[in-house]
């Protein structure tokens, strides 16, 4: 028989730090070059035009412009950035019409 009471250890007494993944800038929002648009595990969102992807699959803007999301597949999206000059041309055409 044991002369001292055994002390149990907790099996669930640990937790990992939060990673804060997800969309940081949504469609239609203005971004500057270097802004992070999305943080992700794997490639749920794929980089489109004027967008780069880091080694941890972070999608970031390469130019100043407006974020645009497009359906790439059933579950996957393509994220692009329309440059400021292009957006200004579209606005001018709408105003003239």
Foldseek 3Di string as FASTA:
>chain_A
DDPDDDDDDDPPPDDDDDDPFAADADFFDWDAAFAFGTQDQPALEAEDEQWDADPNRTITGHHTAGWDWDDPDPRHIYIYGDHPVRVVVVVVVVVVD
